[in-house]
Amino acid sequence: MIDHNKPTRTSLIVEPDAGKEKNANSNRAVKSGATKKNGSKSRRKSRELALKAVYRGMLNQSELSQIFRDMVDDPDYNKADEAYFKQLLQDVMTHLNAIDDKLLNFIDRPIAELSPIEHAILRISGCELMFDLSIPYRVVINEGVELAKLFGGTDGHKYINGVLDKFAADVREAEVARARS
């Protein structure tokens, strides 16, 4: 017998197409006059969760399925856009080598010498720059900088800003050129 007063856990199976559909619907809601602040807040929380998850994965070498399960217990999980979080984390993990290979062109030290937080932020933002063209590059950079201010070292946000600016100019050349002209 099911106790309807007890909270239930949802499944953490990643379905790439389902996440895209939900994101498209939430984007329509923002464009149709719904408050942008609520959408931004949940996307930002999704990025914060993704940062925690990528960081955890880097330090613990955990399986993606275990990381998803662990993140459900995070206090911010219910404030985040679950579909976006899952899709972002899945994309980062899928394209990890491509993101890191591209990052090597824009950092001033060996990748192993980056702080794990900065590295995780650069992976998340790099993923959005490379694989989610629906997010303007300036938004990606701003979100990466905000994550660095919140979780990084004292001036880490300046480093993140510089690296992401160069990264965006390379992978989104036309978009950056239009914005700068």
N, C-alpha and C. Protein backbone atom coordinates (compact mmCIF):
# COMPACT_ATOMS: atom_id res chain seq x y z
N MET A 1 0.83 -1.17 0.00
CA MET A 1 0.00 0.00 0.00
C MET A 1 0.88 1.24 0.00
N ILE A 2 0.54 2.24 -0.81
CA ILE A 2 1.32 3.46 -0.94
C ILE A 2 0.80 4.49 0.06
N ASP A 3 1.73 5.07 0.80
CA ASP A 3 1.40 6.16 1.71
C ASP A 3 1.59 7.47 0.95
N HIS A 4 0.51 8.12 0.57
CA HIS A 4 0.57 9.33 -0.24
C HIS A 4 1.06 10.53 0.55
N ASN A 5 1.20 10.43 1.85
CA ASN A 5 1.72 11.53 2.65
C ASN A 5 3.24 11.51 2.74
N LYS A 6 3.86 10.40 2.33
CA LYS A 6 5.31 10.28 2.35
C LYS A 6 5.88 10.80 1.03
N PRO A 7 6.99 11.57 1.09
CA PRO A 7 7.60 11.99 -0.17
C PRO A 7 8.21 10.79 -0.89
N THR A 8 8.19 10.83 -2.19
CA THR A 8 8.78 9.75 -2.98
C THR A 8 9.98 10.29 -3.73
N ARG A 9 10.92 9.43 -4.04
CA ARG A 9 12.08 9.80 -4.85
C ARG A 9 11.77 9.55 -6.31
N THR A 10 12.29 10.41 -7.14
CA THR A 10 12.11 10.23 -8.57
C THR A 10 13.31 9.49 -9.14
N SER A 11 13.11 8.88 -10.26
CA SER A 11 14.17 8.15 -10.94
C SER A 11 15.19 9.13 -11.50
N LEU A 12 16.45 8.72 -11.57
CA LEU A 12 17.50 9.58 -12.10
C LEU A 12 18.01 9.09 -13.45
N ILE A 13 17.17 8.43 -14.19
CA ILE A 13 17.56 7.97 -15.51
C ILE A 13 17.60 9.17 -16.44
N VAL A 14 18.72 9.32 -17.15
CA VAL A 14 18.87 10.44 -18.06
C VAL A 14 18.29 10.08 -19.41
N GLU A 15 17.35 10.88 -19.84
CA GLU A 15 16.76 10.71 -21.17
C GLU A 15 17.02 12.00 -21.92
N PRO A 16 18.06 12.03 -22.81
CA PRO A 16 18.47 13.25 -23.46
C PRO A 16 17.35 14.00 -24.17
N ASP A 17 16.48 13.31 -24.87
CA ASP A 17 15.42 14.00 -25.60
C ASP A 17 14.41 14.64 -24.66
N ALA A 18 14.14 14.00 -23.54
CA ALA A 18 13.17 14.55 -22.59
C ALA A 18 13.67 15.86 -22.01
N GLY A 19 14.96 15.95 -21.72
CA GLY A 19 15.52 17.17 -21.17
C GLY A 19 15.43 18.33 -22.15
N LYS A 20 15.68 18.05 -23.43
CA LYS A 20 15.62 19.10 -24.44
C LYS A 20 14.20 19.63 -24.57
N GLU A 21 13.23 18.72 -24.52
CA GLU A 21 11.85 19.14 -24.65
C GLU A 21 11.45 20.03 -23.48
N LYS A 22 11.86 19.66 -22.28
CA LYS A 22 11.51 20.46 -21.11
C LYS A 22 12.19 21.82 -21.17
N ASN A 23 13.45 21.85 -21.61
CA ASN A 23 14.14 23.13 -21.73
C ASN A 23 13.47 24.03 -22.75
N ALA A 24 13.04 23.45 -23.85
CA ALA A 24 12.36 24.24 -24.87
C ALA A 24 11.08 24.83 -24.30
N ASN A 25 10.34 24.04 -23.52
CA ASN A 25 9.11 24.54 -22.91
C ASN A 25 9.40 25.63 -21.90
N SER A 26 10.45 25.49 -21.08
CA SER A 26 10.75 26.52 -20.09
C SER A 26 11.22 27.79 -20.78
N ASN A 27 11.93 27.68 -21.92
CA ASN A 27 12.34 28.87 -22.66
C ASN A 27 11.12 29.59 -23.22
N ARG A 28 10.14 28.83 -23.70
CA ARG A 28 8.91 29.46 -24.19
C ARG A 28 8.20 30.20 -23.09
N ALA A 29 8.20 29.64 -21.88
CA ALA A 29 7.53 30.30 -20.75
C ALA A 29 8.20 31.63 -20.45
N VAL A 30 9.52 31.69 -20.52
CA VAL A 30 10.22 32.94 -20.26
C VAL A 30 9.87 33.96 -21.33
N LYS A 31 9.87 33.53 -22.59
CA LYS A 31 9.58 34.45 -23.68
C LYS A 31 8.14 34.92 -23.67
N SER A 32 7.24 34.09 -23.15
CA SER A 32 5.83 34.46 -23.19
C SER A 32 5.42 35.36 -22.03
N GLY A 33 6.39 35.80 -21.23
CA GLY A 33 6.05 36.76 -20.19
C GLY A 33 6.19 36.24 -18.77
N ALA A 34 6.50 34.97 -18.59
CA ALA A 34 6.72 34.46 -17.24
C ALA A 34 7.97 35.14 -16.69
N THR A 35 8.12 35.21 -15.41
CA THR A 35 9.25 35.93 -14.84
C THR A 35 10.56 35.24 -15.17
N LYS A 36 11.47 36.02 -15.70
CA LYS A 36 12.77 35.48 -16.08
C LYS A 36 13.57 35.10 -14.83
N LYS A 37 13.35 35.81 -13.73
CA LYS A 37 14.10 35.55 -12.51
C LYS A 37 13.93 34.11 -12.04
N ASN A 38 12.72 33.58 -12.07
CA ASN A 38 12.50 32.20 -11.63
C ASN A 38 13.23 31.22 -12.52
N GLY A 39 13.19 31.44 -13.84
CA GLY A 39 13.90 30.56 -14.76
C GLY A 39 15.40 30.62 -14.54
N SER A 40 15.93 31.83 -14.36
CA SER A 40 17.35 32.01 -14.13
C SER A 40 17.78 31.34 -12.83
N LYS A 41 16.97 31.50 -11.80
CA LYS A 41 17.31 30.92 -10.51
C LYS A 41 17.44 29.42 -10.62
N SER A 42 16.50 28.77 -11.28
CA SER A 42 16.58 27.31 -11.37
C SER A 42 17.73 26.88 -12.27
N ARG A 43 18.02 27.62 -13.32
CA ARG A 43 19.17 27.29 -14.16
C ARG A 43 20.46 27.50 -13.39
N ARG A 44 20.53 28.58 -12.63
CA ARG A 44 21.72 28.83 -11.83
C ARG A 44 21.91 27.72 -10.80
N LYS A 45 20.83 27.32 -10.13
CA LYS A 45 20.92 26.22 -9.16
C LYS A 45 21.34 24.94 -9.86
N SER A 46 20.87 24.74 -11.09
CA SER A 46 21.28 23.57 -11.86
C SER A 46 22.78 23.59 -12.10
N ARG A 47 23.30 24.76 -12.44
CA ARG A 47 24.74 24.89 -12.66
C ARG A 47 25.51 24.66 -11.36
N GLU A 48 24.98 25.18 -10.25
CA GLU A 48 25.63 24.95 -8.95
C GLU A 48 25.67 23.47 -8.62
N LEU A 49 24.57 22.78 -8.85
CA LEU A 49 24.55 21.33 -8.62
C LEU A 49 25.52 20.62 -9.55
N ALA A 50 25.54 21.03 -10.81
CA ALA A 50 26.46 20.42 -11.78
C ALA A 50 27.90 20.64 -11.32
N LEU A 51 28.20 21.83 -10.82
CA LEU A 51 29.54 22.11 -10.31
C LEU A 51 29.90 21.16 -9.17
N LYS A 52 29.00 21.02 -8.22
CA LYS A 52 29.23 20.11 -7.10
C LYS A 52 29.43 18.68 -7.61
N ALA A 53 28.63 18.29 -8.57
CA ALA A 53 28.70 16.92 -9.10
C ALA A 53 29.99 16.69 -9.88
N VAL A 54 30.38 17.63 -10.73
CA VAL A 54 31.61 17.48 -11.51
C VAL A 54 32.81 17.46 -10.55
N TYR A 55 32.79 18.36 -9.59
CA TYR A 55 33.86 18.41 -8.58
C TYR A 55 33.96 17.08 -7.83
N ARG A 56 32.82 16.58 -7.39
CA ARG A 56 32.78 15.30 -6.68
C ARG A 56 33.32 14.18 -7.58
N GLY A 57 32.90 14.18 -8.82
CA GLY A 57 33.38 13.17 -9.75
C GLY A 57 34.88 13.24 -9.97
N MET A 58 35.42 14.46 -10.01
CA MET A 58 36.86 14.64 -10.20
C MET A 58 37.64 14.12 -9.00
N LEU A 59 37.14 14.39 -7.80
CA LEU A 59 37.87 13.98 -6.60
C LEU A 59 37.68 12.51 -6.25
N ASN A 60 36.47 12.00 -6.48
CA ASN A 60 36.16 10.63 -6.06
C ASN A 60 36.15 9.63 -7.20
N GLN A 61 36.28 10.08 -8.42
CA GLN A 61 36.20 9.19 -9.58
C GLN A 61 34.94 8.34 -9.53
N SER A 62 33.82 8.97 -9.21
CA SER A 62 32.54 8.27 -9.06
C SER A 62 31.88 8.03 -10.41
N GLU A 63 31.03 7.03 -10.44
CA GLU A 63 30.21 6.76 -11.62
C GLU A 63 29.13 7.83 -11.72
N LEU A 64 28.73 8.14 -12.93
CA LEU A 64 27.72 9.16 -13.17
C LEU A 64 26.41 8.83 -12.46
N SER A 65 26.00 7.58 -12.50
CA SER A 65 24.74 7.20 -11.85
C SER A 65 24.80 7.44 -10.34
N GLN A 66 25.95 7.19 -9.73
CA GLN A 66 26.10 7.43 -8.29
C GLN A 66 26.08 8.93 -8.00
N ILE A 67 26.71 9.72 -8.84
CA ILE A 67 26.72 11.17 -8.66
C ILE A 67 25.29 11.70 -8.73
N PHE A 68 24.49 11.23 -9.70
CA PHE A 68 23.09 11.65 -9.79
C PHE A 68 22.34 11.31 -8.50
N ARG A 69 22.54 10.11 -8.01
CA ARG A 69 21.85 9.70 -6.77
C ARG A 69 22.26 10.58 -5.59
N ASP A 70 23.53 10.89 -5.50
CA ASP A 70 24.02 11.74 -4.41
C ASP A 70 23.45 13.15 -4.48
N MET A 71 23.29 13.67 -5.66
CA MET A 71 22.84 15.04 -5.81
C MET A 71 21.37 15.24 -5.41
N VAL A 72 20.59 14.18 -5.46
CA VAL A 72 19.18 14.26 -5.05
C VAL A 72 19.08 14.69 -3.58
N ASP A 73 20.07 14.35 -2.79
CA ASP A 73 20.06 14.69 -1.37
C ASP A 73 20.55 16.12 -1.10
N ASP A 74 21.05 16.81 -2.11
CA ASP A 74 21.52 18.18 -1.91
C ASP A 74 20.34 19.10 -1.62
N PRO A 75 20.48 20.01 -0.66
CA PRO A 75 19.36 20.90 -0.30
C PRO A 75 18.87 21.77 -1.47
N ASP A 76 19.73 22.04 -2.44
CA ASP A 76 19.35 22.89 -3.57
C ASP A 76 18.68 22.11 -4.70
N TYR A 77 18.64 20.80 -4.59
CA TYR A 77 18.12 19.99 -5.69
C TYR A 77 16.70 20.39 -6.10
N ASN A 78 15.84 20.63 -5.12
CA ASN A 78 14.45 20.98 -5.43
C ASN A 78 14.29 22.39 -5.99
N LYS A 79 15.33 23.21 -5.87
CA LYS A 79 15.29 24.57 -6.40
C LYS A 79 15.81 24.63 -7.83
N ALA A 80 16.38 23.54 -8.29
CA ALA A 80 17.02 23.50 -9.61
C ALA A 80 16.08 22.96 -10.68
N ASP A 81 16.40 23.27 -11.91
CA ASP A 81 15.72 22.69 -13.06
C ASP A 81 16.34 21.30 -13.25
N GLU A 82 15.62 20.30 -12.80
CA GLU A 82 16.15 18.94 -12.77
C GLU A 82 16.59 18.45 -14.16
N ALA A 83 15.77 18.69 -15.16
CA ALA A 83 16.10 18.23 -16.51
C ALA A 83 17.37 18.91 -17.02
N TYR A 84 17.49 20.20 -16.75
CA TYR A 84 18.68 20.92 -17.21
C TYR A 84 19.93 20.43 -16.47
N PHE A 85 19.82 20.24 -15.18
CA PHE A 85 20.93 19.71 -14.39
C PHE A 85 21.41 18.37 -14.96
N LYS A 86 20.47 17.46 -15.16
CA LYS A 86 20.81 16.13 -15.67
C LYS A 86 21.46 16.22 -17.04
N GLN A 87 20.89 17.04 -17.92
CA GLN A 87 21.42 17.16 -19.27
C GLN A 87 22.82 17.79 -19.25
N LEU A 88 23.00 18.83 -18.45
CA LEU A 88 24.30 19.50 -18.36
C LEU A 88 25.36 18.54 -17.82
N LEU A 89 25.05 17.85 -16.76
CA LEU A 89 26.01 16.92 -16.17
C LEU A 89 26.33 15.78 -17.15
N GLN A 90 25.31 15.26 -17.80
CA GLN A 90 25.52 14.20 -18.79
C GLN A 90 26.42 14.71 -19.92
N ASP A 91 26.16 15.92 -20.41
CA ASP A 91 26.95 16.48 -21.50
C ASP A 91 28.40 16.72 -21.09
N VAL A 92 28.61 17.25 -19.89
CA VAL A 92 29.98 17.47 -19.41
C VAL A 92 30.72 16.14 -19.35
N MET A 93 30.10 15.13 -18.77
CA MET A 93 30.77 13.84 -18.62
C MET A 93 31.01 13.16 -19.99
N THR A 94 30.08 13.31 -20.89
CA THR A 94 30.23 12.72 -22.23
C THR A 94 31.36 13.38 -23.01
N HIS A 95 31.49 14.69 -22.88
CA HIS A 95 32.45 15.44 -23.69
C HIS A 95 33.68 15.90 -22.90
N LEU A 96 33.94 15.25 -21.78
CA LEU A 96 35.02 15.65 -20.89
C LEU A 96 36.36 15.84 -21.60
N ASN A 97 36.76 14.88 -22.40
CA ASN A 97 38.06 14.97 -23.08
C ASN A 97 38.10 16.09 -24.09
N ALA A 98 37.03 16.28 -24.84
CA ALA A 98 36.99 17.36 -25.83
C ALA A 98 37.05 18.73 -25.15
N ILE A 99 36.35 18.86 -24.04
CA ILE A 99 36.35 20.13 -23.30
C ILE A 99 37.75 20.40 -22.75
N ASP A 100 38.36 19.41 -22.11
CA ASP A 100 39.69 19.60 -21.55
C ASP A 100 40.72 19.87 -22.64
N ASP A 101 40.61 19.18 -23.77
CA ASP A 101 41.54 19.42 -24.88
C ASP A 101 41.44 20.87 -25.37
N LYS A 102 40.23 21.39 -25.46
CA LYS A 102 40.03 22.77 -25.90
C LYS A 102 40.54 23.74 -24.84
N LEU A 103 40.30 23.42 -23.57
CA LEU A 103 40.76 24.28 -22.46
C LEU A 103 42.27 24.49 -22.48
N LEU A 104 43.01 23.47 -22.86
CA LEU A 104 44.47 23.56 -22.87
C LEU A 104 44.97 24.75 -23.69
N ASN A 105 44.19 25.18 -24.68
CA ASN A 105 44.59 26.31 -25.53
C ASN A 105 44.48 27.65 -24.83
N PHE A 106 43.78 27.72 -23.70
CA PHE A 106 43.47 29.01 -23.10
C PHE A 106 43.93 29.18 -21.65
N ILE A 107 44.50 28.14 -21.08
CA ILE A 107 44.97 28.26 -19.69
C ILE A 107 46.48 28.46 -19.69
N ASP A 108 46.98 29.06 -18.62
CA ASP A 108 48.38 29.44 -18.53
C ASP A 108 49.24 28.47 -17.72
N ARG A 109 48.69 27.29 -17.46
CA ARG A 109 49.41 26.29 -16.67
C ARG A 109 48.91 24.91 -17.08
N PRO A 110 49.62 23.87 -16.69
CA PRO A 110 49.10 22.53 -16.97
C PRO A 110 47.73 22.33 -16.31
N ILE A 111 46.88 21.60 -16.96
CA ILE A 111 45.52 21.40 -16.47
C ILE A 111 45.50 20.79 -15.07
N ALA A 112 46.49 19.98 -14.75
CA ALA A 112 46.57 19.35 -13.43
C ALA A 112 46.83 20.37 -12.33
N GLU A 113 47.33 21.55 -12.69
CA GLU A 113 47.62 22.58 -11.70
C GLU A 113 46.45 23.54 -11.46
N LEU A 114 45.36 23.39 -12.21
CA LEU A 114 44.17 24.19 -11.94
C LEU A 114 43.56 23.75 -10.62
N SER A 115 42.96 24.69 -9.91
CA SER A 115 42.24 24.27 -8.71
C SER A 115 41.06 23.40 -9.18
N PRO A 116 40.70 22.38 -8.43
CA PRO A 116 39.59 21.53 -8.86
C PRO A 116 38.28 22.30 -9.09
N ILE A 117 38.03 23.33 -8.29
CA ILE A 117 36.82 24.13 -8.48
C ILE A 117 36.88 24.89 -9.79
N GLU A 118 38.01 25.57 -10.05
CA GLU A 118 38.15 26.30 -11.32
C GLU A 118 38.05 25.35 -12.50
N HIS A 119 38.68 24.20 -12.38
CA HIS A 119 38.63 23.21 -13.46
C HIS A 119 37.19 22.77 -13.72
N ALA A 120 36.45 22.49 -12.64
CA ALA A 120 35.05 22.07 -12.79
C ALA A 120 34.21 23.18 -13.42
N ILE A 121 34.41 24.42 -13.01
CA ILE A 121 33.67 25.55 -13.59
C ILE A 121 34.00 25.68 -15.07
N LEU A 122 35.27 25.57 -15.41
CA LEU A 122 35.67 25.67 -16.83
C LEU A 122 35.10 24.52 -17.65
N ARG A 123 34.99 23.35 -17.07
CA ARG A 123 34.38 22.23 -17.78
C ARG A 123 32.90 22.48 -18.06
N ILE A 124 32.19 22.97 -17.06
CA ILE A 124 30.75 23.23 -17.22
C ILE A 124 30.52 24.34 -18.24
N SER A 125 31.22 25.45 -18.06
CA SER A 125 31.06 26.58 -18.98
C SER A 125 31.55 26.22 -20.38
N GLY A 126 32.65 25.49 -20.44
CA GLY A 126 33.16 25.06 -21.75
C GLY A 126 32.16 24.18 -22.47
N CYS A 127 31.51 23.31 -21.72
CA CYS A 127 30.48 22.44 -22.29
C CYS A 127 29.34 23.27 -22.86
N GLU A 128 28.87 24.25 -22.08
CA GLU A 128 27.78 25.09 -22.58
C GLU A 128 28.21 25.88 -23.81
N LEU A 129 29.44 26.38 -23.82
CA LEU A 129 29.92 27.13 -24.99
C LEU A 129 30.03 26.25 -26.23
N MET A 130 30.52 25.05 -26.04
CA MET A 130 30.75 24.16 -27.18
C MET A 130 29.49 23.45 -27.67
N PHE A 131 28.61 23.07 -26.76
CA PHE A 131 27.55 22.15 -27.12
C PHE A 131 26.13 22.65 -26.91
N ASP A 132 25.95 23.86 -26.38
CA ASP A 132 24.60 24.40 -26.21
C ASP A 132 24.55 25.82 -26.74
N LEU A 133 24.39 25.92 -28.04
CA LEU A 133 24.40 27.23 -28.70
C LEU A 133 23.15 28.05 -28.41
N SER A 134 22.18 27.48 -27.72
CA SER A 134 20.97 28.22 -27.38
C SER A 134 21.23 29.22 -26.25
N ILE A 135 22.32 29.07 -25.53
CA ILE A 135 22.67 29.99 -24.45
C ILE A 135 23.69 30.99 -24.99
N PRO A 136 23.38 32.28 -24.96
CA PRO A 136 24.34 33.28 -25.45
C PRO A 136 25.67 33.18 -24.71
N TYR A 137 26.76 33.39 -25.44
CA TYR A 137 28.08 33.22 -24.84
C TYR A 137 28.28 34.13 -23.63
N ARG A 138 27.73 35.34 -23.67
CA ARG A 138 27.88 36.26 -22.53
C ARG A 138 27.21 35.70 -21.27
N VAL A 139 26.10 35.01 -21.44
CA VAL A 139 25.41 34.39 -20.30
C VAL A 139 26.28 33.27 -19.73
N VAL A 140 26.86 32.47 -20.61
CA VAL A 140 27.73 31.37 -20.15
C VAL A 140 28.90 31.92 -19.35
N ILE A 141 29.54 32.96 -19.88
CA ILE A 141 30.68 33.56 -19.18
C ILE A 141 30.24 34.12 -17.83
N ASN A 142 29.14 34.86 -17.82
CA ASN A 142 28.65 35.44 -16.57
C ASN A 142 28.34 34.36 -15.54
N GLU A 143 27.69 33.29 -15.96
CA GLU A 143 27.36 32.21 -15.02
C GLU A 143 28.61 31.55 -14.48
N GLY A 144 29.62 31.36 -15.33
CA GLY A 144 30.89 30.79 -14.87
C GLY A 144 31.57 31.70 -13.85
N VAL A 145 31.55 33.00 -14.11
CA VAL A 145 32.14 33.98 -13.19
C VAL A 145 31.38 33.96 -11.86
N GLU A 146 30.06 33.91 -11.91
CA GLU A 146 29.27 33.88 -10.68
C GLU A 146 29.55 32.61 -9.87
N LEU A 147 29.71 31.48 -10.54
CA LEU A 147 30.07 30.25 -9.82
C LEU A 147 31.43 30.40 -9.15
N ALA A 148 32.37 31.03 -9.85
CA ALA A 148 33.71 31.23 -9.28
C ALA A 148 33.66 32.17 -8.09
N LYS A 149 32.83 33.20 -8.15
CA LYS A 149 32.69 34.11 -7.01
C LYS A 149 32.11 33.38 -5.80
N LEU A 150 31.17 32.50 -6.06
CA LEU A 150 30.48 31.78 -5.00
C LEU A 150 31.33 30.66 -4.40
N PHE A 151 32.02 29.90 -5.24
CA PHE A 151 32.71 28.70 -4.78
C PHE A 151 34.23 28.75 -4.88
N GLY A 152 34.77 29.67 -5.67
CA GLY A 152 36.20 29.69 -5.95
C GLY A 152 37.02 30.50 -4.98
N GLY A 153 38.29 30.63 -5.31
CA GLY A 153 39.22 31.41 -4.50
C GLY A 153 38.96 32.90 -4.67
N THR A 154 39.72 33.70 -3.95
CA THR A 154 39.52 35.14 -3.89
C THR A 154 39.42 35.81 -5.26
N ASP A 155 40.38 35.61 -6.11
CA ASP A 155 40.35 36.24 -7.44
C ASP A 155 40.13 35.22 -8.56
N GLY A 156 39.65 34.06 -8.20
CA GLY A 156 39.42 33.02 -9.21
C GLY A 156 38.46 33.44 -10.30
N HIS A 157 37.50 34.28 -9.96
CA HIS A 157 36.53 34.72 -10.96
C HIS A 157 37.18 35.51 -12.10
N LYS A 158 38.27 36.22 -11.80
CA LYS A 158 38.97 36.97 -12.84
C LYS A 158 39.64 36.01 -13.83
N TYR A 159 40.23 34.97 -13.29
CA TYR A 159 40.87 33.95 -14.13
C TYR A 159 39.83 33.26 -15.00
N ILE A 160 38.71 32.87 -14.39
CA ILE A 160 37.63 32.20 -15.12
C ILE A 160 37.13 33.11 -16.24
N ASN A 161 36.94 34.39 -15.95
CA ASN A 161 36.46 35.34 -16.94
C ASN A 161 37.42 35.41 -18.14
N GLY A 162 38.72 35.52 -17.86
CA GLY A 162 39.70 35.61 -18.93
C GLY A 162 39.75 34.36 -19.80
N VAL A 163 39.75 33.21 -19.16
CA VAL A 163 39.80 31.95 -19.91
C VAL A 163 38.53 31.77 -20.75
N LEU A 164 37.37 32.01 -20.15
CA LEU A 164 36.12 31.82 -20.88
C LEU A 164 35.96 32.83 -22.02
N ASP A 165 36.48 34.02 -21.84
CA ASP A 165 36.42 35.01 -22.91
C ASP A 165 37.18 34.52 -24.14
N LYS A 166 38.37 33.98 -23.92
CA LYS A 166 39.17 33.42 -25.04
C LYS A 166 38.51 32.16 -25.61
N PHE A 167 37.98 31.33 -24.73
CA PHE A 167 37.31 30.09 -25.13
C PHE A 167 36.13 30.42 -26.04
N ALA A 168 35.32 31.39 -25.62
CA ALA A 168 34.14 31.78 -26.40
C ALA A 168 34.54 32.35 -27.75
N ALA A 169 35.59 33.17 -27.79
CA ALA A 169 36.04 33.75 -29.05
C ALA A 169 36.47 32.69 -30.04
N ASP A 170 36.94 31.56 -29.53
CA ASP A 170 37.37 30.47 -30.39
C ASP A 170 36.19 29.61 -30.86
N VAL A 171 35.34 29.17 -29.94
CA VAL A 171 34.28 28.23 -30.31
C VAL A 171 33.00 28.91 -30.80
N ARG A 172 32.86 30.19 -30.53
CA ARG A 172 31.69 30.95 -30.99
C ARG A 172 32.15 32.22 -31.70
N GLU A 173 33.07 32.04 -32.62
CA GLU A 173 33.73 33.14 -33.29
C GLU A 173 32.75 34.15 -33.89
N ALA A 174 31.78 33.69 -34.64
CA ALA A 174 30.83 34.60 -35.30
C ALA A 174 29.98 35.35 -34.28
N GLU A 175 29.49 34.66 -33.26
CA GLU A 175 28.65 35.29 -32.23
C GLU A 175 29.43 36.37 -31.48
N VAL A 176 30.67 36.07 -31.12
CA VAL A 176 31.51 37.02 -30.40
C VAL A 176 31.84 38.22 -31.29
N ALA A 177 32.16 37.96 -32.55
CA ALA A 177 32.46 39.04 -33.48
C ALA A 177 31.28 39.99 -33.66
N ARG A 178 30.08 39.41 -33.79
CA ARG A 178 28.86 40.26 -33.90
C ARG A 178 28.68 41.12 -32.66
N ALA A 179 28.89 40.55 -31.51
CA ALA A 179 28.68 41.28 -30.26
C ALA A 179 29.72 42.39 -30.06
N ARG A 180 30.91 42.18 -30.57
CA ARG A 180 31.99 43.17 -30.37
C ARG A 180 32.01 44.25 -31.43
N SER A 181 31.25 44.08 -32.50
CA SER A 181 31.28 45.10 -33.57
C SER A 181 30.21 46.14 -33.39
